[in-house]
Amino acid sequence: MYWLYWLFILILLAAAAGAALLAYRTYVMGETNVTNLNIGGWFFRPRPEPRLGVIEQASVDARRKLVLLRDAMASSTSS
């Protein structure tokens, strides 16, 4: 039962650290609205757009493949 006490203390310390982190971020960013904190955005950011795109591919033989690549950023801005 002694370990249960320390587990409870550890959970309390983790919650206090999380609250301090949110308070610090609110103070630094100046956001007082709770919906703008976006906690999930720290860990689950959107994937960046790929830089290269496959235009064509052809099998040369059983072990090799010929692939034509193009800069995806240049093709998306030129249209």
Foldseek 3Di string as FASTA:
>chain_A
DVVVVVVVVVVVVVVVVVVVVLVVCCVVVVDPDPVPSPPVCVPDPDDDDDQKDWDDKDAPDPVDIDTDIDGPVVVVVVD
